[in-house]
């Protein structure tokens, strides 16, 4: 099974190619304003390095949020286009679950993404990536109340308290989701976990 792994929803852009869980190519770069211009060339470079073509892949794992609205939209659009045009399987992955794949020596994990204004995107997972608390858009104060001595906080963002930097274990994610049912590319949508600013303004004006 040859898989393409894409993550453009966080501060890091990840492009990887895997044979089952064996890494054939992996690049992690800063996710900046040039994402729309560099994602496709990066994917092309990945396949050239692995001596493969897009038609060789069996499925695509794409992180569909939460995180950067623009980054999620770009990554999902590229993944959907490839999956639809080449008739490949596509599997959505949570950014919070990806970050939670970090090894914490068996401890529970609270994963945080700064959503500003004292809100975060957060989820709680056990060592096997079983969901203990569903991913949600929540106040920072509320999620921190659920921390205990057996819990590690994981985040790429800066807070006024100590967090562990994530080291995503992509092979673990692929192994966990290898039997997932592929979704229809047209039905794959970004998982923002909150309304966009435009939607919030629209709802406010309607209210």
N, C-alpha and C. Protein backbone atom coordinates (compact mmCIF):
# COMPACT_ATOMS: atom_id res chain seq x y z
N UNK A 1 0.85 -1.19 0.00
CA UNK A 1 0.00 0.00 0.00
C UNK A 1 0.89 1.25 0.00
N UNK A 2 0.79 2.06 -1.04
CA UNK A 2 1.54 3.31 -1.13
C UNK A 2 0.61 4.45 -0.74
N UNK A 3 1.06 5.28 0.19
CA UNK A 3 0.21 6.36 0.69
C UNK A 3 0.91 7.70 0.59
N UNK A 4 0.13 8.71 0.28
CA UNK A 4 0.58 10.11 0.34
C UNK A 4 -0.02 10.71 1.59
N UNK A 5 0.81 11.35 2.41
CA UNK A 5 0.35 12.00 3.64
C UNK A 5 0.54 13.50 3.51
N UNK A 6 -0.54 14.26 3.74
CA UNK A 6 -0.50 15.72 3.62
C UNK A 6 -1.03 16.38 4.89
N UNK A 7 -0.30 17.36 5.37
CA UNK A 7 -0.78 18.19 6.48
C UNK A 7 -0.38 19.63 6.21
N UNK A 8 -1.36 20.49 6.01
CA UNK A 8 -1.10 21.91 5.78
C UNK A 8 -1.91 22.77 6.76
N UNK A 9 -2.39 22.17 7.82
CA UNK A 9 -3.31 22.89 8.70
C UNK A 9 -2.62 23.57 9.87
N UNK A 10 -1.34 23.26 10.10
CA UNK A 10 -0.66 23.83 11.26
C UNK A 10 0.48 24.74 10.81
N UNK A 11 1.36 25.07 11.74
CA UNK A 11 2.49 25.95 11.42
C UNK A 11 3.55 25.21 10.60
N UNK A 12 3.39 23.90 10.45
CA UNK A 12 4.32 23.10 9.66
C UNK A 12 3.58 22.41 8.52
N UNK A 13 4.16 22.48 7.33
CA UNK A 13 3.63 21.73 6.19
C UNK A 13 4.35 20.39 6.14
N UNK A 14 3.57 19.31 6.09
CA UNK A 14 4.14 17.96 6.05
C UNK A 14 3.70 17.28 4.77
N UNK A 15 4.66 16.75 4.03
CA UNK A 15 4.39 15.93 2.85
C UNK A 15 5.20 14.65 3.00
N UNK A 16 4.51 13.51 2.99
CA UNK A 16 5.21 12.24 3.16
C UNK A 16 4.69 11.18 2.22
N UNK A 17 5.55 10.25 1.85
CA UNK A 17 5.16 9.09 1.06
C UNK A 17 5.56 7.85 1.84
N UNK A 18 4.63 6.90 1.96
CA UNK A 18 4.87 5.70 2.76
C UNK A 18 4.47 4.45 1.99
N UNK A 19 5.26 3.40 2.16
CA UNK A 19 4.88 2.07 1.69
C UNK A 19 4.47 1.29 2.93
N UNK A 20 3.18 1.04 3.08
CA UNK A 20 2.62 0.56 4.34
C UNK A 20 3.01 1.59 5.42
N UNK A 21 3.84 1.21 6.38
CA UNK A 21 4.28 2.19 7.38
C UNK A 21 5.76 2.57 7.21
N UNK A 22 6.36 2.14 6.11
CA UNK A 22 7.76 2.48 5.84
C UNK A 22 7.86 3.84 5.16
N UNK A 23 8.64 4.72 5.74
CA UNK A 23 8.81 6.07 5.19
C UNK A 23 9.70 6.03 3.96
N UNK A 24 9.15 6.48 2.83
CA UNK A 24 9.93 6.60 1.60
C UNK A 24 10.44 8.02 1.41
N UNK A 25 9.68 8.97 1.90
CA UNK A 25 10.07 10.38 1.80
C UNK A 25 9.25 11.17 2.79
N UNK A 26 9.89 12.13 3.45
CA UNK A 26 9.17 13.00 4.38
C UNK A 26 9.85 14.36 4.42
N UNK A 27 9.06 15.41 4.26
CA UNK A 27 9.58 16.76 4.41
C UNK A 27 8.63 17.55 5.32
N UNK A 28 9.24 18.30 6.22
CA UNK A 28 8.48 19.17 7.12
C UNK A 28 9.07 20.57 7.00
N UNK A 29 8.24 21.51 6.57
CA UNK A 29 8.71 22.88 6.37
C UNK A 29 7.74 23.85 7.04
N UNK A 30 8.22 25.07 7.26
CA UNK A 30 7.34 26.10 7.81
C UNK A 30 6.18 26.34 6.84
N UNK A 31 4.99 26.42 7.40
CA UNK A 31 3.79 26.69 6.63
C UNK A 31 3.58 28.20 6.60
N UNK A 32 3.89 28.83 5.47
CA UNK A 32 3.86 30.28 5.40
C UNK A 32 2.92 30.76 4.30
N UNK A 33 3.04 32.01 3.95
CA UNK A 33 2.14 32.60 2.96
C UNK A 33 2.36 32.06 1.54
N UNK A 34 3.43 31.30 1.35
CA UNK A 34 3.72 30.73 0.03
C UNK A 34 3.16 29.32 -0.14
N UNK A 35 2.33 28.87 0.78
CA UNK A 35 1.84 27.50 0.75
C UNK A 35 1.20 27.14 -0.57
N UNK A 36 0.34 28.01 -1.08
CA UNK A 36 -0.37 27.70 -2.32
C UNK A 36 0.58 27.54 -3.50
N UNK A 37 1.76 28.18 -3.42
CA UNK A 37 2.72 28.10 -4.51
C UNK A 37 3.70 26.94 -4.35
N UNK A 38 3.94 26.51 -3.13
CA UNK A 38 4.99 25.50 -2.94
C UNK A 38 4.46 24.10 -2.64
N UNK A 39 3.16 23.94 -2.35
CA UNK A 39 2.67 22.60 -2.00
C UNK A 39 2.80 21.62 -3.16
N UNK A 40 2.30 21.99 -4.34
CA UNK A 40 2.37 21.07 -5.48
C UNK A 40 3.81 20.76 -5.89
N UNK A 41 4.71 21.76 -5.97
CA UNK A 41 6.10 21.43 -6.27
C UNK A 41 6.74 20.51 -5.23
N UNK A 42 6.34 20.68 -3.97
CA UNK A 42 6.87 19.82 -2.91
C UNK A 42 6.39 18.38 -3.09
N UNK A 43 5.11 18.23 -3.45
CA UNK A 43 4.58 16.89 -3.72
C UNK A 43 5.29 16.26 -4.91
N UNK A 44 5.51 17.05 -5.95
CA UNK A 44 6.22 16.54 -7.14
C UNK A 44 7.63 16.08 -6.77
N UNK A 45 8.31 16.88 -5.97
CA UNK A 45 9.67 16.53 -5.54
C UNK A 45 9.66 15.25 -4.74
N UNK A 46 8.66 15.07 -3.90
CA UNK A 46 8.56 13.87 -3.07
C UNK A 46 8.47 12.62 -3.93
N UNK A 47 7.63 12.68 -4.95
CA UNK A 47 7.46 11.51 -5.81
C UNK A 47 8.70 11.25 -6.67
N UNK A 48 9.36 12.31 -7.08
CA UNK A 48 10.61 12.13 -7.84
C UNK A 48 11.67 11.46 -6.97
N UNK A 49 11.76 11.87 -5.72
CA UNK A 49 12.74 11.29 -4.79
C UNK A 49 12.45 9.81 -4.56
N UNK A 50 11.16 9.46 -4.45
CA UNK A 50 10.77 8.08 -4.18
C UNK A 50 10.69 7.23 -5.45
N UNK A 51 10.99 7.85 -6.58
CA UNK A 51 10.92 7.17 -7.89
C UNK A 51 9.53 6.58 -8.13
N UNK A 52 8.53 7.39 -7.82
CA UNK A 52 7.14 7.00 -8.00
C UNK A 52 6.40 8.11 -8.72
N UNK A 53 5.20 7.80 -9.19
CA UNK A 53 4.31 8.82 -9.76
C UNK A 53 3.02 8.84 -8.95
N UNK A 54 2.24 9.88 -9.11
CA UNK A 54 0.98 9.98 -8.37
C UNK A 54 0.07 8.78 -8.63
N UNK A 55 0.14 8.26 -9.83
CA UNK A 55 -0.72 7.12 -10.16
C UNK A 55 -0.35 5.86 -9.38
N UNK A 56 0.85 5.84 -8.77
CA UNK A 56 1.30 4.68 -8.00
C UNK A 56 0.67 4.60 -6.61
N UNK A 57 0.14 5.71 -6.13
CA UNK A 57 -0.39 5.69 -4.76
C UNK A 57 -1.72 4.97 -4.71
N UNK A 58 -2.01 4.41 -3.54
CA UNK A 58 -3.28 3.73 -3.31
C UNK A 58 -4.26 4.61 -2.54
N UNK A 59 -3.71 5.41 -1.64
CA UNK A 59 -4.60 6.28 -0.86
C UNK A 59 -3.89 7.54 -0.39
N UNK A 60 -4.69 8.49 0.00
CA UNK A 60 -4.21 9.77 0.51
C UNK A 60 -4.73 9.97 1.91
N UNK A 61 -3.84 10.26 2.84
CA UNK A 61 -4.23 10.69 4.18
C UNK A 61 -4.05 12.20 4.22
N UNK A 62 -5.11 12.92 4.51
CA UNK A 62 -5.01 14.38 4.54
C UNK A 62 -5.57 14.91 5.85
N UNK A 63 -4.80 15.78 6.48
CA UNK A 63 -5.26 16.43 7.70
C UNK A 63 -6.25 17.52 7.31
N UNK A 64 -7.48 17.41 7.81
CA UNK A 64 -8.53 18.36 7.40
C UNK A 64 -8.93 19.29 8.54
N UNK A 65 -8.05 19.45 9.53
CA UNK A 65 -8.30 20.42 10.59
C UNK A 65 -8.36 19.74 11.95
N UNK A 66 -8.51 20.60 12.96
CA UNK A 66 -8.62 22.05 12.94
C UNK A 66 -7.25 22.73 12.78
N UNK A 67 -7.30 24.05 12.58
CA UNK A 67 -6.07 24.82 12.44
C UNK A 67 -6.28 26.01 11.55
N UNK A 68 -5.29 26.29 10.72
CA UNK A 68 -5.34 27.44 9.82
C UNK A 68 -6.42 27.27 8.77
N UNK A 69 -7.37 28.21 8.70
CA UNK A 69 -8.45 28.12 7.72
C UNK A 69 -7.89 28.01 6.30
N UNK A 70 -6.95 28.89 5.97
CA UNK A 70 -6.39 28.90 4.62
C UNK A 70 -5.60 27.62 4.35
N UNK A 71 -4.76 27.22 5.30
CA UNK A 71 -3.96 26.01 5.13
C UNK A 71 -4.81 24.77 4.94
N UNK A 72 -5.86 24.64 5.76
CA UNK A 72 -6.75 23.48 5.64
C UNK A 72 -7.41 23.45 4.27
N UNK A 73 -7.87 24.60 3.83
CA UNK A 73 -8.59 24.68 2.55
C UNK A 73 -7.67 24.28 1.39
N UNK A 74 -6.43 24.75 1.42
CA UNK A 74 -5.49 24.43 0.34
C UNK A 74 -5.18 22.94 0.34
N UNK A 75 -4.87 22.38 1.51
CA UNK A 75 -4.52 20.97 1.59
C UNK A 75 -5.66 20.06 1.17
N UNK A 76 -6.86 20.37 1.64
CA UNK A 76 -8.02 19.56 1.28
C UNK A 76 -8.33 19.64 -0.21
N UNK A 77 -8.19 20.82 -0.78
CA UNK A 77 -8.47 20.99 -2.21
C UNK A 77 -7.50 20.17 -3.06
N UNK A 78 -6.22 20.22 -2.71
CA UNK A 78 -5.23 19.45 -3.46
C UNK A 78 -5.49 17.95 -3.31
N UNK A 79 -5.74 17.50 -2.08
CA UNK A 79 -5.99 16.07 -1.84
C UNK A 79 -7.25 15.59 -2.57
N UNK A 80 -8.30 16.39 -2.52
CA UNK A 80 -9.55 16.02 -3.19
C UNK A 80 -9.36 15.94 -4.71
N UNK A 81 -8.60 16.88 -5.26
CA UNK A 81 -8.37 16.90 -6.70
C UNK A 81 -7.60 15.66 -7.16
N UNK A 82 -6.56 15.31 -6.40
CA UNK A 82 -5.78 14.11 -6.74
C UNK A 82 -6.64 12.86 -6.62
N UNK A 83 -7.36 12.75 -5.51
CA UNK A 83 -8.18 11.56 -5.26
C UNK A 83 -9.26 11.40 -6.33
N UNK A 84 -9.90 12.50 -6.67
CA UNK A 84 -10.99 12.43 -7.66
C UNK A 84 -10.47 12.13 -9.05
N UNK A 85 -9.41 12.82 -9.45
CA UNK A 85 -8.91 12.67 -10.82
C UNK A 85 -8.26 11.32 -11.08
N UNK A 86 -7.64 10.75 -10.03
CA UNK A 86 -6.94 9.47 -10.19
C UNK A 86 -7.71 8.30 -9.56
N UNK A 87 -8.89 8.61 -9.02
CA UNK A 87 -9.73 7.58 -8.39
C UNK A 87 -8.97 6.86 -7.27
N UNK A 88 -8.41 7.65 -6.35
CA UNK A 88 -7.67 7.11 -5.22
C UNK A 88 -8.48 7.26 -3.93
N UNK A 89 -8.21 6.39 -2.98
CA UNK A 89 -8.87 6.47 -1.68
C UNK A 89 -8.36 7.69 -0.93
N UNK A 90 -9.23 8.27 -0.10
CA UNK A 90 -8.84 9.43 0.68
C UNK A 90 -9.39 9.30 2.10
N UNK A 91 -8.51 9.54 3.07
CA UNK A 91 -8.85 9.37 4.48
C UNK A 91 -8.56 10.67 5.23
N UNK A 92 -9.55 11.31 5.85
CA UNK A 92 -9.30 12.52 6.63
C UNK A 92 -8.71 12.19 8.00
N UNK A 93 -7.78 13.02 8.44
CA UNK A 93 -7.11 12.84 9.73
C UNK A 93 -7.23 14.14 10.53
N UNK A 94 -7.46 14.02 11.83
CA UNK A 94 -7.52 15.18 12.71
C UNK A 94 -6.11 15.69 13.01
N UNK A 95 -5.93 17.00 12.93
CA UNK A 95 -4.65 17.59 13.30
C UNK A 95 -4.33 17.33 14.77
N UNK A 96 -5.36 17.36 15.61
CA UNK A 96 -5.14 17.12 17.03
C UNK A 96 -4.70 15.67 17.27
N UNK A 97 -5.29 14.73 16.54
CA UNK A 97 -4.86 13.34 16.67
C UNK A 97 -3.43 13.16 16.18
N UNK A 98 -3.08 13.83 15.08
CA UNK A 98 -1.72 13.74 14.57
C UNK A 98 -0.72 14.22 15.63
N UNK A 99 -0.99 15.36 16.24
CA UNK A 99 -0.09 15.89 17.27
C UNK A 99 -0.07 14.96 18.49
N UNK A 100 -1.21 14.32 18.76
CA UNK A 100 -1.30 13.42 19.92
C UNK A 100 -0.55 12.11 19.71
N UNK A 101 -0.09 11.85 18.48
CA UNK A 101 0.68 10.64 18.24
C UNK A 101 2.09 10.74 18.83
N UNK A 102 2.43 11.88 19.38
CA UNK A 102 3.70 12.09 20.08
C UNK A 102 3.82 11.11 21.25
N UNK A 103 4.97 10.51 21.40
CA UNK A 103 5.21 9.56 22.49
C UNK A 103 5.33 10.31 23.82
N UNK A 104 4.50 9.92 24.78
CA UNK A 104 4.53 10.56 26.11
C UNK A 104 4.73 9.53 27.21
N UNK A 105 5.37 8.43 26.88
CA UNK A 105 5.64 7.37 27.87
C UNK A 105 4.39 6.90 28.59
N UNK A 106 3.34 6.74 27.81
CA UNK A 106 2.11 6.15 28.34
C UNK A 106 1.15 7.11 28.99
N UNK A 107 1.51 8.38 29.09
CA UNK A 107 0.62 9.34 29.74
C UNK A 107 -0.47 9.82 28.79
N UNK A 108 -1.59 10.25 29.38
CA UNK A 108 -2.66 10.87 28.60
C UNK A 108 -2.14 12.16 27.99
N UNK A 109 -2.84 12.60 26.94
CA UNK A 109 -2.38 13.78 26.21
C UNK A 109 -3.52 14.76 26.00
N UNK A 110 -3.30 15.99 26.42
CA UNK A 110 -4.19 17.09 26.04
C UNK A 110 -3.46 17.87 24.96
N UNK A 111 -4.05 17.90 23.78
CA UNK A 111 -3.41 18.57 22.64
C UNK A 111 -4.10 19.92 22.44
N UNK A 112 -3.29 20.97 22.27
CA UNK A 112 -3.81 22.33 22.18
C UNK A 112 -3.33 23.02 20.91
N UNK A 113 -4.25 23.72 20.25
CA UNK A 113 -3.91 24.63 19.16
C UNK A 113 -4.52 25.98 19.53
N UNK A 114 -3.70 27.00 19.57
CA UNK A 114 -4.16 28.33 19.96
C UNK A 114 -5.18 28.86 18.93
N UNK A 115 -6.38 29.15 19.39
CA UNK A 115 -7.42 29.71 18.52
C UNK A 115 -7.66 31.19 18.82
N UNK A 116 -6.82 31.76 19.67
CA UNK A 116 -6.86 33.19 20.04
C UNK A 116 -8.06 33.52 20.93
N UNK A 117 -7.97 34.69 21.57
CA UNK A 117 -9.03 35.19 22.45
C UNK A 117 -9.36 34.20 23.56
N UNK A 118 -8.32 33.55 24.10
CA UNK A 118 -8.45 32.60 25.20
C UNK A 118 -9.23 31.35 24.84
N UNK A 119 -9.31 31.05 23.55
CA UNK A 119 -9.91 29.80 23.10
C UNK A 119 -8.83 28.94 22.46
N UNK A 120 -9.06 27.64 22.47
CA UNK A 120 -8.16 26.70 21.82
C UNK A 120 -8.97 25.63 21.10
N UNK A 121 -8.32 24.98 20.13
CA UNK A 121 -8.82 23.72 19.61
C UNK A 121 -8.13 22.66 20.46
N UNK A 122 -8.88 21.75 21.03
CA UNK A 122 -8.27 20.80 21.95
C UNK A 122 -8.94 19.44 21.88
N UNK A 123 -8.18 18.43 22.22
CA UNK A 123 -8.69 17.07 22.33
C UNK A 123 -7.86 16.34 23.37
N UNK A 124 -8.43 15.29 23.94
CA UNK A 124 -7.71 14.48 24.92
C UNK A 124 -7.65 13.04 24.42
N UNK A 125 -6.45 12.47 24.42
CA UNK A 125 -6.22 11.13 23.89
C UNK A 125 -5.42 10.30 24.88
N UNK A 126 -5.59 8.97 24.79
CA UNK A 126 -4.74 8.11 25.60
C UNK A 126 -3.51 7.70 24.78
N UNK A 127 -2.68 6.83 25.33
CA UNK A 127 -1.41 6.47 24.69
C UNK A 127 -1.61 5.75 23.35
N UNK A 128 -2.78 5.13 23.17
CA UNK A 128 -3.07 4.41 21.94
C UNK A 128 -3.88 5.24 20.94
N UNK A 129 -4.00 6.54 21.22
CA UNK A 129 -4.75 7.49 20.40
C UNK A 129 -6.25 7.24 20.42
N UNK A 130 -6.72 6.57 21.46
CA UNK A 130 -8.17 6.50 21.66
C UNK A 130 -8.64 7.86 22.18
N UNK A 131 -9.77 8.32 21.67
CA UNK A 131 -10.28 9.63 22.05
C UNK A 131 -10.94 9.56 23.42
N UNK A 132 -10.45 10.36 24.35
CA UNK A 132 -11.05 10.44 25.68
C UNK A 132 -12.01 11.62 25.77
N UNK A 133 -11.67 12.70 25.11
CA UNK A 133 -12.55 13.87 24.99
C UNK A 133 -12.47 14.33 23.55
N UNK A 134 -13.64 14.43 22.89
CA UNK A 134 -13.69 14.78 21.48
C UNK A 134 -13.01 16.12 21.19
N UNK A 135 -12.42 16.22 20.01
CA UNK A 135 -11.86 17.49 19.56
C UNK A 135 -12.94 18.56 19.63
N UNK A 136 -12.56 19.73 20.12
CA UNK A 136 -13.55 20.80 20.27
C UNK A 136 -12.89 22.16 20.26
N UNK A 137 -13.72 23.17 20.05
CA UNK A 137 -13.32 24.57 20.17
C UNK A 137 -13.79 25.00 21.55
N UNK A 138 -12.85 25.29 22.45
CA UNK A 138 -13.18 25.41 23.87
C UNK A 138 -12.31 26.47 24.51
N UNK A 139 -12.76 27.01 25.64
CA UNK A 139 -11.91 27.97 26.34
C UNK A 139 -10.70 27.26 26.92
N UNK A 140 -9.59 27.96 26.94
CA UNK A 140 -8.37 27.39 27.48
C UNK A 140 -8.57 27.00 28.94
N UNK A 141 -9.26 27.83 29.68
CA UNK A 141 -9.50 27.56 31.09
C UNK A 141 -10.25 26.25 31.28
N UNK A 142 -11.24 25.99 30.45
CA UNK A 142 -12.05 24.78 30.60
C UNK A 142 -11.25 23.52 30.35
N UNK A 143 -10.41 23.53 29.33
CA UNK A 143 -9.66 22.31 29.01
C UNK A 143 -8.56 22.07 30.04
N UNK A 144 -7.98 23.13 30.59
CA UNK A 144 -6.92 22.96 31.59
C UNK A 144 -7.45 22.37 32.88
N UNK A 145 -8.74 22.54 33.14
CA UNK A 145 -9.35 21.95 34.34
C UNK A 145 -9.35 20.42 34.27
N UNK A 146 -9.15 19.88 33.09
CA UNK A 146 -9.18 18.44 32.92
C UNK A 146 -7.79 17.80 32.98
N UNK A 147 -6.79 18.61 33.27
CA UNK A 147 -5.43 18.10 33.39
C UNK A 147 -5.19 17.55 34.79
N UNK A 148 -4.50 16.41 34.86
CA UNK A 148 -4.08 15.86 36.13
C UNK A 148 -2.62 15.45 36.04
N UNK A 149 -2.10 14.78 37.06
CA UNK A 149 -0.68 14.43 37.10
C UNK A 149 -0.30 13.42 36.03
N UNK A 150 -1.27 12.70 35.49
CA UNK A 150 -0.99 11.69 34.47
C UNK A 150 -1.25 12.21 33.06
N UNK A 151 -1.28 13.52 32.92
CA UNK A 151 -1.60 14.13 31.63
C UNK A 151 -0.48 15.04 31.18
N UNK A 152 -0.14 14.97 29.89
CA UNK A 152 0.87 15.84 29.30
C UNK A 152 0.18 16.80 28.34
N UNK A 153 0.58 18.07 28.39
CA UNK A 153 0.07 19.07 27.45
C UNK A 153 1.00 19.12 26.24
N UNK A 154 0.42 19.04 25.04
CA UNK A 154 1.19 19.05 23.80
C UNK A 154 0.73 20.20 22.92
N UNK A 155 1.67 21.00 22.43
CA UNK A 155 1.30 22.10 21.54
C UNK A 155 2.51 22.63 20.79
N UNK A 156 2.25 23.12 19.57
CA UNK A 156 3.28 23.82 18.80
C UNK A 156 3.27 25.31 19.12
N UNK A 157 2.21 25.75 19.82
CA UNK A 157 2.03 27.17 20.11
C UNK A 157 2.60 27.53 21.47
N UNK A 158 2.78 28.83 21.69
CA UNK A 158 3.33 29.31 22.96
C UNK A 158 2.21 29.72 23.90
N UNK A 159 2.29 29.22 25.13
CA UNK A 159 1.35 29.59 26.17
C UNK A 159 2.13 30.05 27.40
N UNK A 160 1.42 30.49 28.42
CA UNK A 160 2.08 30.95 29.64
C UNK A 160 2.39 29.79 30.58
N UNK A 161 2.35 28.59 30.07
CA UNK A 161 2.66 27.41 30.85
C UNK A 161 3.43 26.46 29.95
N UNK A 162 4.05 25.48 30.56
CA UNK A 162 4.92 24.57 29.81
C UNK A 162 4.11 23.55 29.01
N UNK A 163 4.50 23.36 27.78
CA UNK A 163 3.91 22.32 26.94
C UNK A 163 5.03 21.51 26.28
N UNK A 164 4.68 20.32 25.84
CA UNK A 164 5.64 19.46 25.13
C UNK A 164 5.50 19.71 23.64
N UNK A 165 6.62 19.89 22.96
CA UNK A 165 6.57 20.06 21.51
C UNK A 165 6.18 18.73 20.86
N UNK A 166 5.26 18.76 19.91
CA UNK A 166 4.83 17.51 19.28
C UNK A 166 5.89 16.92 18.36
N UNK A 167 5.93 15.61 18.33
CA UNK A 167 6.74 14.86 17.36
C UNK A 167 5.83 13.81 16.73
N UNK A 168 5.05 14.20 15.73
CA UNK A 168 4.05 13.30 15.16
C UNK A 168 4.64 11.98 14.67
N UNK A 169 3.92 10.91 14.97
CA UNK A 169 4.32 9.57 14.55
C UNK A 169 3.40 9.16 13.40
N UNK A 170 3.77 9.57 12.18
CA UNK A 170 2.90 9.34 11.03
C UNK A 170 2.68 7.85 10.75
N UNK A 171 3.71 6.99 10.84
CA UNK A 171 3.45 5.56 10.64
C UNK A 171 2.40 5.01 11.60
N UNK A 172 2.40 5.49 12.84
CA UNK A 172 1.40 5.06 13.83
C UNK A 172 0.01 5.48 13.37
N UNK A 173 -0.11 6.71 12.84
CA UNK A 173 -1.39 7.21 12.35
C UNK A 173 -1.87 6.35 11.17
N UNK A 174 -0.97 6.05 10.25
CA UNK A 174 -1.33 5.24 9.08
C UNK A 174 -1.77 3.84 9.50
N UNK A 175 -1.04 3.25 10.43
CA UNK A 175 -1.40 1.90 10.91
C UNK A 175 -2.77 1.92 11.58
N UNK A 176 -3.03 2.95 12.36
CA UNK A 176 -4.31 3.03 13.07
C UNK A 176 -5.48 3.16 12.09
N UNK A 177 -5.27 3.88 11.00
CA UNK A 177 -6.37 4.19 10.08
C UNK A 177 -6.33 3.37 8.78
N UNK A 178 -5.50 2.33 8.76
CA UNK A 178 -5.33 1.59 7.50
C UNK A 178 -6.61 0.89 7.03
N UNK A 179 -7.52 0.60 7.96
CA UNK A 179 -8.76 -0.08 7.59
C UNK A 179 -9.95 0.87 7.52
N UNK A 180 -9.70 2.17 7.65
CA UNK A 180 -10.78 3.16 7.56
C UNK A 180 -11.40 3.12 6.17
N UNK A 181 -12.70 3.37 6.13
CA UNK A 181 -13.40 3.46 4.87
C UNK A 181 -13.07 4.77 4.18
N UNK A 182 -12.69 4.71 2.93
CA UNK A 182 -12.41 5.92 2.16
C UNK A 182 -13.67 6.75 2.02
N UNK A 183 -13.51 8.07 2.04
CA UNK A 183 -14.65 8.96 1.86
C UNK A 183 -14.71 9.42 0.41
N UNK A 184 -15.88 9.82 -0.02
CA UNK A 184 -16.02 10.41 -1.35
C UNK A 184 -15.27 11.74 -1.37
N UNK A 185 -14.37 11.94 -2.34
CA UNK A 185 -13.61 13.20 -2.37
C UNK A 185 -14.50 14.44 -2.31
N UNK A 186 -15.66 14.38 -2.92
CA UNK A 186 -16.55 15.54 -2.93
C UNK A 186 -17.16 15.82 -1.55
N UNK A 187 -17.16 14.79 -0.68
CA UNK A 187 -17.76 14.97 0.64
C UNK A 187 -16.71 15.30 1.71
N UNK A 188 -15.44 15.33 1.31
CA UNK A 188 -14.39 15.70 2.26
C UNK A 188 -14.40 17.20 2.48
N UNK A 189 -14.67 17.61 3.69
CA UNK A 189 -14.75 19.03 4.01
C UNK A 189 -13.77 19.39 5.12
N UNK A 190 -13.30 20.63 5.13
CA UNK A 190 -12.47 21.08 6.24
C UNK A 190 -13.21 20.95 7.57
N UNK A 191 -12.48 20.56 8.60
CA UNK A 191 -13.05 20.45 9.94
C UNK A 191 -12.52 21.60 10.78
N UNK A 192 -13.17 22.75 10.63
CA UNK A 192 -12.67 23.94 11.31
C UNK A 192 -12.96 23.93 12.82
N UNK A 193 -13.98 23.19 13.23
CA UNK A 193 -14.45 23.12 14.62
C UNK A 193 -15.12 24.40 15.10
N UNK A 194 -14.99 25.46 14.35
CA UNK A 194 -15.69 26.70 14.67
C UNK A 194 -16.07 27.37 13.36
N UNK A 195 -17.00 28.28 13.45
CA UNK A 195 -17.42 29.01 12.27
C UNK A 195 -16.33 29.98 11.82
N UNK A 196 -16.27 30.20 10.52
CA UNK A 196 -15.35 31.20 10.02
C UNK A 196 -15.81 32.58 10.46
N UNK A 197 -14.91 33.55 10.37
CA UNK A 197 -15.26 34.92 10.77
C UNK A 197 -16.42 35.44 9.93
N UNK A 198 -16.46 35.11 8.65
CA UNK A 198 -17.56 35.55 7.79
C UNK A 198 -18.88 34.94 8.23
N UNK A 199 -18.84 33.64 8.62
CA UNK A 199 -20.06 32.98 9.08
C UNK A 199 -20.54 33.58 10.40
N UNK A 200 -19.59 33.90 11.28
CA UNK A 200 -19.97 34.50 12.56
C UNK A 200 -20.61 35.87 12.35
N UNK A 201 -20.05 36.67 11.43
CA UNK A 201 -20.61 37.98 11.15
C UNK A 201 -22.00 37.85 10.53
N UNK A 202 -22.16 36.85 9.66
CA UNK A 202 -23.46 36.62 9.01
C UNK A 202 -24.50 36.25 10.06
N UNK A 203 -24.14 35.31 10.97
CA UNK A 203 -25.09 34.89 12.00
C UNK A 203 -25.43 36.05 12.93
N UNK A 204 -24.42 36.89 13.22
CA UNK A 204 -24.66 38.03 14.10
C UNK A 204 -25.62 39.02 13.46
N UNK A 205 -25.45 39.25 12.16
CA UNK A 205 -26.33 40.19 11.46
C UNK A 205 -27.74 39.65 11.34
N UNK A 206 -27.83 38.31 11.21
CA UNK A 206 -29.15 37.70 11.09
C UNK A 206 -29.86 37.66 12.44
N UNK A 207 -29.06 37.63 13.50
CA UNK A 207 -29.65 37.54 14.82
C UNK A 207 -30.21 38.88 15.27
